[in-house]
All heavy atoms as atom14 arrays in JSON, in Angstrom:
{
  "sequence": "TIRVNDDQMPWQPGDRIADVLLRLGVEPSDVTTALNGEFVPRA",
  "atom14_mask": [
    [1, 1, 1, 1, 1, 1, 1, 0, 0, 0, 0, 0, 0, 0],
    [1, 1, 1, 1, 1, 1, 1, 1, 0, 0, 0, 0, 0, 0],
    [1, 1, 1, 1, 1, 1, 1, 1, 1, 1, 1, 0, 0, 0],
    [1, 1, 1, 1, 1, 1, 1, 0, 0, 0, 0, 0, 0, 0],
    [1, 1, 1, 1, 1, 1, 1, 1, 0, 0, 0, 0, 0, 0],
    [1, 1, 1, 1, 1, 1, 1, 1, 0, 0, 0, 0, 0, 0],
    [1, 1, 1, 1, 1, 1, 1, 1, 0, 0, 0, 0, 0, 0],
    [1, 1, 1, 1, 1, 1, 1, 1, 1, 0, 0, 0, 0, 0],
    [1, 1, 1, 1, 1, 1, 1, 1, 0, 0, 0, 0, 0, 0],
    [1, 1, 1, 1, 1, 1, 1, 0, 0, 0, 0, 0, 0, 0],
    [1, 1, 1, 1, 1, 1, 1, 1, 1, 1, 1, 1, 1, 1],
    [1, 1, 1, 1, 1, 1, 1, 1, 1, 0, 0, 0, 0, 0],
    [1, 1, 1, 1, 1, 1, 1, 0, 0, 0, 0, 0, 0, 0],
    [1, 1, 1, 1, 0, 0, 0, 0, 0, 0, 0, 0, 0, 0],
    [1, 1, 1, 1, 1, 1, 1, 1, 0, 0, 0, 0, 0, 0],
    [1, 1, 1, 1, 1, 1, 1, 1, 1, 1, 1, 0, 0, 0],
    [1, 1, 1, 1, 1, 1, 1, 1, 0, 0, 0, 0, 0, 0],
    [1, 1, 1, 1, 1, 0, 0, 0, 0, 0, 0, 0, 0, 0],
    [1, 1, 1, 1, 1, 1, 1, 1, 0, 0, 0, 0, 0, 0],
    [1, 1, 1, 1, 1, 1, 1, 0, 0, 0, 0, 0, 0, 0],
    [1, 1, 1, 1, 1, 1, 1, 1, 0, 0, 0, 0, 0, 0],
    [1, 1, 1, 1, 1, 1, 1, 1, 0, 0, 0, 0, 0, 0],
    [1, 1, 1, 1, 1, 1, 1, 1, 1, 1, 1, 0, 0, 0],
    [1, 1, 1, 1, 1, 1, 1, 1, 0, 0, 0, 0, 0, 0],
    [1, 1, 1, 1, 0, 0, 0, 0, 0, 0, 0, 0, 0, 0],
    [1, 1, 1, 1, 1, 1, 1, 0, 0, 0, 0, 0, 0, 0],
    [1, 1, 1, 1, 1, 1, 1, 1, 1, 0, 0, 0, 0, 0],
    [1, 1, 1, 1, 1, 1, 1, 0, 0, 0, 0, 0, 0, 0],
    [1, 1, 1, 1, 1, 1, 0, 0, 0, 0, 0, 0, 0, 0],
    [1, 1, 1, 1, 1, 1, 1, 1, 0, 0, 0, 0, 0, 0],
    [1, 1, 1, 1, 1, 1, 1, 0, 0, 0, 0, 0, 0, 0],
    [1, 1, 1, 1, 1, 1, 1, 0, 0, 0, 0, 0, 0, 0],
    [1, 1, 1, 1, 1, 1, 1, 0, 0, 0, 0, 0, 0, 0],
    [1, 1, 1, 1, 1, 0, 0, 0, 0, 0, 0, 0, 0, 0],
    [1, 1, 1, 1, 1, 1, 1, 1, 0, 0, 0, 0, 0, 0],
    [1, 1, 1, 1, 1, 1, 1, 1, 0, 0, 0, 0, 0, 0],
    [1, 1, 1, 1, 0, 0, 0, 0, 0, 0, 0, 0, 0, 0],
    [1, 1, 1, 1, 1, 1, 1, 1, 1, 0, 0, 0, 0, 0],
    [1, 1, 1, 1, 1, 1, 1, 1, 1, 1, 1, 0, 0, 0],
    [1, 1, 1, 1, 1, 1, 1, 0, 0, 0, 0, 0, 0, 0],
    [1, 1, 1, 1, 1, 1, 1, 0, 0, 0, 0, 0, 0, 0],
    [1, 1, 1, 1, 1, 1, 1, 1, 1, 1, 1, 0, 0, 0],
    [1, 1, 1, 1, 1, 0, 0, 0, 0, 0, 0, 0, 0, 0]
  ],
  "atom14_positions": [
    [[86.88, 94.67, 100.84], [87.12, 96.08, 100.57], [88.6, 96.4, 100.73], [89.36, 95.65, 101.34], [86.32, 96.99, 101.53], [86.73, 96.75, 102.87], [84.83, 96.78, 101.38], [0.0, 0.0, 0.0], [0.0, 0.0, 0.0], [0.0, 0.0, 0.0], [0.0, 0.0, 0.0], [0.0, 0.0, 0.0], [0.0, 0.0, 0.0], [0.0, 0.0, 0.0]],
    [[88.97, 97.52, 100.15], [90.28, 98.12, 100.35], [90.03, 99.54, 100.82], [88.92, 100.05, 100.73], [91.12, 98.11, 99.05], [90.38, 98.85, 97.92], [91.48, 96.7, 98.65], [91.18, 99.01, 96.64], [0.0, 0.0, 0.0], [0.0, 0.0, 0.0], [0.0, 0.0, 0.0], [0.0, 0.0, 0.0], [0.0, 0.0, 0.0], [0.0, 0.0, 0.0]],
    [[91.06, 100.17, 101.34], [90.94, 101.56, 101.76], [91.88, 102.37, 100.88], [93.06, 102.04, 100.72], [91.31, 101.72, 103.23], [91.13, 103.14, 103.72], [91.12, 103.23, 105.23], [89.98, 102.59, 105.82], [88.76, 103.11, 105.91], [88.52, 104.29, 105.4], [87.79, 102.45, 106.5], [0.0, 0.0, 0.0], [0.0, 0.0, 0.0], [0.0, 0.0, 0.0]],
    [[91.33, 103.43, 100.3], [92.12, 104.35, 99.49], [92.04, 105.7, 100.19], [90.96, 106.28, 100.3], [91.6, 104.45, 98.04], [92.44, 105.43, 97.24], [91.59, 103.08, 97.38], [0.0, 0.0, 0.0], [0.0, 0.0, 0.0], [0.0, 0.0, 0.0], [0.0, 0.0, 0.0], [0.0, 0.0, 0.0], [0.0, 0.0, 0.0], [0.0, 0.0, 0.0]],
    [[93.21, 106.14, 100.69], [93.27, 107.3, 101.56], [92.28, 107.08, 102.7], [92.44, 106.12, 103.43], [93.06, 108.6, 100.77], [94.2, 108.83, 99.77], [95.28, 108.28, 99.89], [93.93, 109.62, 98.76], [0.0, 0.0, 0.0], [0.0, 0.0, 0.0], [0.0, 0.0, 0.0], [0.0, 0.0, 0.0], [0.0, 0.0, 0.0], [0.0, 0.0, 0.0]],
    [[91.27, 107.88, 102.85], [90.33, 107.68, 103.96], [89.02, 107.04, 103.53], [88.08, 106.98, 104.31], [90.04, 109.03, 104.63], [91.26, 109.56, 105.38], [92.01, 108.75, 105.93], [91.45, 110.79, 105.4], [0.0, 0.0, 0.0], [0.0, 0.0, 0.0], [0.0, 0.0, 0.0], [0.0, 0.0, 0.0], [0.0, 0.0, 0.0], [0.0, 0.0, 0.0]],
    [[88.95, 106.57, 102.3], [87.7, 106.03, 101.77], [87.8, 104.52, 101.56], [88.79, 104.01, 101.05], [87.34, 106.69, 100.44], [87.12, 108.18, 100.59], [86.49, 108.59, 101.58], [87.58, 108.93, 99.71], [0.0, 0.0, 0.0], [0.0, 0.0, 0.0], [0.0, 0.0, 0.0], [0.0, 0.0, 0.0], [0.0, 0.0, 0.0], [0.0, 0.0, 0.0]],
    [[86.74, 103.85, 101.93], [86.65, 102.41, 101.69], [86.02, 102.2, 100.32], [85.12, 102.93, 99.92], [85.77, 101.8, 102.78], [86.0, 100.36, 103.03], [85.26, 99.9, 104.27], [84.15, 100.33, 104.52], [85.88, 99.02, 105.02], [0.0, 0.0, 0.0], [0.0, 0.0, 0.0], [0.0, 0.0, 0.0], [0.0, 0.0, 0.0], [0.0, 0.0, 0.0]],
    [[86.54, 101.23, 99.57], [85.96, 100.92, 98.28], [86.02, 99.42, 98.04], [86.81, 98.73, 98.67], [86.64, 101.71, 97.16], [88.07, 101.36, 96.87], [88.81, 102.4, 95.57], [87.91, 101.89, 94.12], [0.0, 0.0, 0.0], [0.0, 0.0, 0.0], [0.0, 0.0, 0.0], [0.0, 0.0, 0.0], [0.0, 0.0, 0.0], [0.0, 0.0, 0.0]],
    [[85.16, 98.91, 97.17], [85.14, 97.47, 96.92], [86.46, 96.98, 96.33], [87.06, 97.66, 95.49], [84.02, 97.29, 95.91], [83.22, 98.52, 95.95], [84.14, 99.62, 96.4], [0.0, 0.0, 0.0], [0.0, 0.0, 0.0], [0.0, 0.0, 0.0], [0.0, 0.0, 0.0], [0.0, 0.0, 0.0], [0.0, 0.0, 0.0], [0.0, 0.0, 0.0]],
    [[86.89, 95.83, 96.79], [88.03, 95.15, 96.19], [87.49, 94.19, 95.15], [86.46, 93.56, 95.36], [88.79, 94.37, 97.27], [89.83, 93.46, 96.71], [91.08, 93.81, 96.31], [89.74, 92.04, 96.51], [91.77, 92.7, 95.86], [90.95, 91.6, 95.97], [88.72, 91.11, 96.72], [91.19, 90.28, 95.65], [88.96, 89.78, 96.39], [90.19, 89.38, 95.87]],
    [[88.18, 94.12, 94.02], [87.78, 93.19, 92.97], [88.93, 92.22, 92.74], [90.09, 92.63, 92.67], [87.45, 93.96, 91.69], [86.28, 94.89, 91.86], [85.99, 95.71, 90.61], [86.56, 95.5, 89.56], [85.09, 96.65, 90.75], [0.0, 0.0, 0.0], [0.0, 0.0, 0.0], [0.0, 0.0, 0.0], [0.0, 0.0, 0.0], [0.0, 0.0, 0.0]],
    [[88.62, 90.93, 92.62], [89.68, 89.95, 92.38], [90.54, 90.36, 91.18], [90.03, 90.78, 90.15], [88.91, 88.66, 92.09], [87.62, 88.84, 92.82], [87.3, 90.3, 92.69], [0.0, 0.0, 0.0], [0.0, 0.0, 0.0], [0.0, 0.0, 0.0], [0.0, 0.0, 0.0], [0.0, 0.0, 0.0], [0.0, 0.0, 0.0], [0.0, 0.0, 0.0]],
    [[91.83, 90.26, 91.35], [92.76, 90.62, 90.28], [93.15, 92.09, 90.28], [93.95, 92.5, 89.44], [0.0, 0.0, 0.0], [0.0, 0.0, 0.0], [0.0, 0.0, 0.0], [0.0, 0.0, 0.0], [0.0, 0.0, 0.0], [0.0, 0.0, 0.0], [0.0, 0.0, 0.0], [0.0, 0.0, 0.0], [0.0, 0.0, 0.0], [0.0, 0.0, 0.0]],
    [[92.6, 92.88, 91.21], [92.95, 94.31, 91.27], [94.45, 94.52, 91.4], [95.12, 93.86, 92.2], [92.29, 94.98, 92.48], [90.98, 95.66, 92.16], [90.65, 95.8, 90.97], [90.29, 96.07, 93.11], [0.0, 0.0, 0.0], [0.0, 0.0, 0.0], [0.0, 0.0, 0.0], [0.0, 0.0, 0.0], [0.0, 0.0, 0.0], [0.0, 0.0, 0.0]],
    [[94.94, 95.45, 90.62], [96.31, 95.96, 90.74], [96.17, 97.44, 91.07], [95.11, 98.04, 90.88], [97.07, 95.81, 89.42], [97.11, 94.4, 88.86], [98.18, 93.59, 89.55], [98.4, 92.29, 88.93], [97.87, 91.16, 89.39], [97.07, 91.17, 90.41], [98.16, 90.01, 88.81], [0.0, 0.0, 0.0], [0.0, 0.0, 0.0], [0.0, 0.0, 0.0]],
    [[97.23, 98.04, 91.54], [97.17, 99.47, 91.88], [96.71, 100.28, 90.67], [95.87, 101.17, 90.8], [98.53, 99.97, 92.4], [98.82, 99.34, 93.77], [98.55, 101.5, 92.49], [100.19, 99.66, 94.33], [0.0, 0.0, 0.0], [0.0, 0.0, 0.0], [0.0, 0.0, 0.0], [0.0, 0.0, 0.0], [0.0, 0.0, 0.0], [0.0, 0.0, 0.0]],
    [[97.21, 99.97, 89.5], [96.82, 100.71, 88.29], [95.32, 100.63, 88.04], [94.7, 101.61, 87.61], [97.59, 100.19, 87.08], [0.0, 0.0, 0.0], [0.0, 0.0, 0.0], [0.0, 0.0, 0.0], [0.0, 0.0, 0.0], [0.0, 0.0, 0.0], [0.0, 0.0, 0.0], [0.0, 0.0, 0.0], [0.0, 0.0, 0.0], [0.0, 0.0, 0.0]],
    [[94.71, 99.48, 88.33], [93.26, 99.31, 88.14], [92.49, 100.24, 89.06], [91.49, 100.85, 88.67], [92.83, 97.87, 88.42], [93.54, 96.87, 87.53], [93.72, 97.16, 86.33], [93.92, 95.81, 88.05], [0.0, 0.0, 0.0], [0.0, 0.0, 0.0], [0.0, 0.0, 0.0], [0.0, 0.0, 0.0], [0.0, 0.0, 0.0], [0.0, 0.0, 0.0]],
    [[92.94, 100.32, 90.3], [92.26, 101.17, 91.28], [92.38, 102.64, 90.88], [91.41, 103.4, 90.94], [92.81, 100.92, 92.7], [92.22, 101.9, 93.7], [92.52, 99.48, 93.12], [0.0, 0.0, 0.0], [0.0, 0.0, 0.0], [0.0, 0.0, 0.0], [0.0, 0.0, 0.0], [0.0, 0.0, 0.0], [0.0, 0.0, 0.0], [0.0, 0.0, 0.0]],
    [[93.56, 103.06, 90.44], [93.73, 104.44, 89.99], [92.81, 104.75, 88.82], [92.21, 105.83, 88.76], [95.19, 104.71, 89.61], [96.21, 104.65, 90.74], [97.62, 104.84, 90.19], [95.9, 105.65, 91.83], [0.0, 0.0, 0.0], [0.0, 0.0, 0.0], [0.0, 0.0, 0.0], [0.0, 0.0, 0.0], [0.0, 0.0, 0.0], [0.0, 0.0, 0.0]],
    [[92.68, 103.81, 87.91], [91.79, 103.98, 86.76], [90.35, 104.17, 87.23], [89.65, 105.07, 86.76], [91.91, 102.79, 85.82], [91.09, 102.85, 84.55], [91.57, 103.99, 83.65], [91.18, 101.52, 83.81], [0.0, 0.0, 0.0], [0.0, 0.0, 0.0], [0.0, 0.0, 0.0], [0.0, 0.0, 0.0], [0.0, 0.0, 0.0], [0.0, 0.0, 0.0]],
    [[89.88, 103.33, 88.14], [88.51, 103.46, 88.66], [88.29, 104.78, 89.38], [87.2, 105.33, 89.37], [88.17, 102.3, 89.61], [87.91, 101.01, 88.87], [87.1, 100.01, 89.66], [87.56, 99.74, 90.98], [88.42, 98.78, 91.33], [88.95, 98.01, 90.41], [88.73, 98.6, 92.58], [0.0, 0.0, 0.0], [0.0, 0.0, 0.0], [0.0, 0.0, 0.0]],
    [[89.35, 105.29, 90.0], [89.24, 106.58, 90.7], [89.3, 107.76, 89.74], [89.02, 108.89, 90.14], [90.37, 106.71, 91.73], [90.31, 105.78, 92.92], [91.61, 105.87, 93.71], [89.11, 106.13, 93.81], [0.0, 0.0, 0.0], [0.0, 0.0, 0.0], [0.0, 0.0, 0.0], [0.0, 0.0, 0.0], [0.0, 0.0, 0.0], [0.0, 0.0, 0.0]],
    [[89.69, 107.53, 88.5], [89.82, 108.61, 87.54], [91.05, 109.47, 87.8], [91.09, 110.64, 87.43], [0.0, 0.0, 0.0], [0.0, 0.0, 0.0], [0.0, 0.0, 0.0], [0.0, 0.0, 0.0], [0.0, 0.0, 0.0], [0.0, 0.0, 0.0], [0.0, 0.0, 0.0], [0.0, 0.0, 0.0], [0.0, 0.0, 0.0], [0.0, 0.0, 0.0]],
    [[92.06, 108.85, 88.4], [93.29, 109.56, 88.75], [94.3, 109.41, 87.62], [94.5, 108.3, 87.1], [93.88, 108.98, 90.06], [95.24, 109.55, 90.35], [92.94, 109.22, 91.22], [0.0, 0.0, 0.0], [0.0, 0.0, 0.0], [0.0, 0.0, 0.0], [0.0, 0.0, 0.0], [0.0, 0.0, 0.0], [0.0, 0.0, 0.0], [0.0, 0.0, 0.0]],
    [[94.92, 110.5, 87.24], [95.98, 110.46, 86.23], [97.23, 109.88, 86.9], [97.81, 110.5, 87.79], [96.26, 111.86, 85.69], [97.36, 111.92, 84.67], [97.08, 111.06, 83.45], [95.95, 111.11, 82.93], [98.0, 110.33, 83.03], [0.0, 0.0, 0.0], [0.0, 0.0, 0.0], [0.0, 0.0, 0.0], [0.0, 0.0, 0.0], [0.0, 0.0, 0.0]],
    [[97.66, 108.67, 86.51], [98.77, 108.01, 87.19], [100.06, 108.82, 87.25], [100.81, 108.73, 88.21], [98.98, 106.74, 86.38], [97.67, 106.48, 85.74], [97.08, 107.84, 85.46], [0.0, 0.0, 0.0], [0.0, 0.0, 0.0], [0.0, 0.0, 0.0], [0.0, 0.0, 0.0], [0.0, 0.0, 0.0], [0.0, 0.0, 0.0], [0.0, 0.0, 0.0]],
    [[100.33, 109.63, 86.24], [101.57, 110.4, 86.24], [101.53, 111.58, 87.21], [102.57, 112.17, 87.5], [101.88, 110.9, 84.83], [100.86, 111.78, 84.38], [0.0, 0.0, 0.0], [0.0, 0.0, 0.0], [0.0, 0.0, 0.0], [0.0, 0.0, 0.0], [0.0, 0.0, 0.0], [0.0, 0.0, 0.0], [0.0, 0.0, 0.0], [0.0, 0.0, 0.0]],
    [[100.35, 111.9, 87.74], [100.21, 113.04, 88.65], [100.32, 112.68, 90.12], [100.3, 113.57, 90.96], [98.84, 113.71, 88.45], [98.74, 114.45, 87.13], [99.78, 114.66, 86.47], [97.61, 114.81, 86.76], [0.0, 0.0, 0.0], [0.0, 0.0, 0.0], [0.0, 0.0, 0.0], [0.0, 0.0, 0.0], [0.0, 0.0, 0.0], [0.0, 0.0, 0.0]],
    [[100.4, 111.38, 90.43], [100.35, 110.99, 91.83], [101.5, 110.06, 92.22], [102.15, 109.45, 91.38], [99.01, 110.29, 92.18], [97.85, 111.25, 91.99], [98.82, 109.03, 91.36], [0.0, 0.0, 0.0], [0.0, 0.0, 0.0], [0.0, 0.0, 0.0], [0.0, 0.0, 0.0], [0.0, 0.0, 0.0], [0.0, 0.0, 0.0], [0.0, 0.0, 0.0]],
    [[101.68, 109.98, 93.51], [102.6, 109.03, 94.13], [101.73, 108.04, 94.9], [100.67, 108.4, 95.41], [103.56, 109.77, 95.09], [104.31, 110.7, 94.32], [104.49, 108.82, 95.8], [0.0, 0.0, 0.0], [0.0, 0.0, 0.0], [0.0, 0.0, 0.0], [0.0, 0.0, 0.0], [0.0, 0.0, 0.0], [0.0, 0.0, 0.0], [0.0, 0.0, 0.0]],
    [[102.18, 106.79, 95.0], [101.38, 105.78, 95.68], [102.21, 105.04, 96.73], [103.42, 104.85, 96.57], [100.82, 104.74, 94.69], [101.88, 104.19, 93.93], [99.79, 105.36, 93.76], [0.0, 0.0, 0.0], [0.0, 0.0, 0.0], [0.0, 0.0, 0.0], [0.0, 0.0, 0.0], [0.0, 0.0, 0.0], [0.0, 0.0, 0.0], [0.0, 0.0, 0.0]],
    [[101.51, 104.61, 97.77], [102.1, 103.74, 98.79], [101.06, 102.68, 99.13], [99.87, 102.98, 99.28], [102.47, 104.54, 100.03], [0.0, 0.0, 0.0], [0.0, 0.0, 0.0], [0.0, 0.0, 0.0], [0.0, 0.0, 0.0], [0.0, 0.0, 0.0], [0.0, 0.0, 0.0], [0.0, 0.0, 0.0], [0.0, 0.0, 0.0], [0.0, 0.0, 0.0]],
    [[101.5, 101.45, 99.21], [100.62, 100.34, 99.56], [101.02, 99.84, 100.94], [102.16, 99.43, 101.15], [100.73, 99.23, 98.52], [99.83, 98.02, 98.73], [98.35, 98.43, 98.72], [100.09, 96.97, 97.67], [0.0, 0.0, 0.0], [0.0, 0.0, 0.0], [0.0, 0.0, 0.0], [0.0, 0.0, 0.0], [0.0, 0.0, 0.0], [0.0, 0.0, 0.0]],
    [[100.08, 99.94, 101.87], [100.33, 99.53, 103.25], [101.58, 100.21, 103.81], [102.39, 99.6, 104.5], [100.42, 98.01, 103.37], [99.15, 97.35, 102.92], [98.05, 97.82, 103.22], [99.27, 96.26, 102.18], [0.0, 0.0, 0.0], [0.0, 0.0, 0.0], [0.0, 0.0, 0.0], [0.0, 0.0, 0.0], [0.0, 0.0, 0.0], [0.0, 0.0, 0.0]],
    [[101.74, 101.49, 103.45], [102.84, 102.3, 103.98], [104.15, 102.19, 103.23], [105.12, 102.85, 103.59], [0.0, 0.0, 0.0], [0.0, 0.0, 0.0], [0.0, 0.0, 0.0], [0.0, 0.0, 0.0], [0.0, 0.0, 0.0], [0.0, 0.0, 0.0], [0.0, 0.0, 0.0], [0.0, 0.0, 0.0], [0.0, 0.0, 0.0], [0.0, 0.0, 0.0]],
    [[104.2, 101.37, 102.17], [105.43, 101.2, 101.4], [105.28, 101.85, 100.02], [104.35, 101.54, 99.29], [105.75, 99.71, 101.22], [106.03, 98.98, 102.51], [107.33, 99.41, 103.17], [108.31, 99.69, 102.44], [107.35, 99.49, 104.4], [0.0, 0.0, 0.0], [0.0, 0.0, 0.0], [0.0, 0.0, 0.0], [0.0, 0.0, 0.0], [0.0, 0.0, 0.0]],
    [[106.23, 102.73, 99.67], [106.22, 103.4, 98.38], [106.17, 102.37, 97.25], [106.87, 101.35, 97.29], [107.47, 104.27, 98.24], [107.69, 104.83, 96.87], [106.9, 105.86, 96.4], [108.68, 104.32, 96.05], [107.09, 106.38, 95.12], [108.88, 104.83, 94.77], [108.08, 105.86, 94.32], [0.0, 0.0, 0.0], [0.0, 0.0, 0.0], [0.0, 0.0, 0.0]],
    [[105.33, 102.64, 96.23], [105.26, 101.79, 95.04], [105.61, 102.65, 93.83], [104.87, 103.57, 93.48], [103.85, 101.17, 94.85], [103.82, 100.31, 93.6], [103.44, 100.37, 96.07], [0.0, 0.0, 0.0], [0.0, 0.0, 0.0], [0.0, 0.0, 0.0], [0.0, 0.0, 0.0], [0.0, 0.0, 0.0], [0.0, 0.0, 0.0], [0.0, 0.0, 0.0]],
    [[106.74, 102.37, 93.18], [107.13, 103.14, 92.0], [106.09, 103.02, 90.88], [105.42, 101.99, 90.75], [108.44, 102.5, 91.55], [108.93, 101.75, 92.74], [107.72, 101.34, 93.5], [0.0, 0.0, 0.0], [0.0, 0.0, 0.0], [0.0, 0.0, 0.0], [0.0, 0.0, 0.0], [0.0, 0.0, 0.0], [0.0, 0.0, 0.0], [0.0, 0.0, 0.0]],
    [[105.98, 104.06, 90.09], [105.02, 104.09, 88.99], [105.16, 102.86, 88.09], [104.17, 102.28, 87.66], [105.25, 105.37, 88.18], [104.21, 105.64, 87.14], [104.46, 106.92, 86.39], [104.54, 108.04, 87.33], [105.14, 109.18, 87.08], [105.74, 109.38, 85.93], [105.17, 110.14, 87.97], [0.0, 0.0, 0.0], [0.0, 0.0, 0.0], [0.0, 0.0, 0.0]],
    [[106.38, 102.43, 87.82], [106.61, 101.29, 86.92], [106.06, 99.98, 87.47], [105.86, 99.03, 86.71], [108.1, 101.15, 86.66], [0.0, 0.0, 0.0], [0.0, 0.0, 0.0], [0.0, 0.0, 0.0], [0.0, 0.0, 0.0], [0.0, 0.0, 0.0], [0.0, 0.0, 0.0], [0.0, 0.0, 0.0], [0.0, 0.0, 0.0], [0.0, 0.0, 0.0]]
  ]
}
């Protein structure tokens, strides 16, 4: 599993941040992301 904000969700082999945002139905241009506390630029 991975944790997204306060929710646990299944991890899938090959997952990238963009894949997780897609599964969440989040518009990538509307959000900022950090992975393990480190900012990740949209690009």
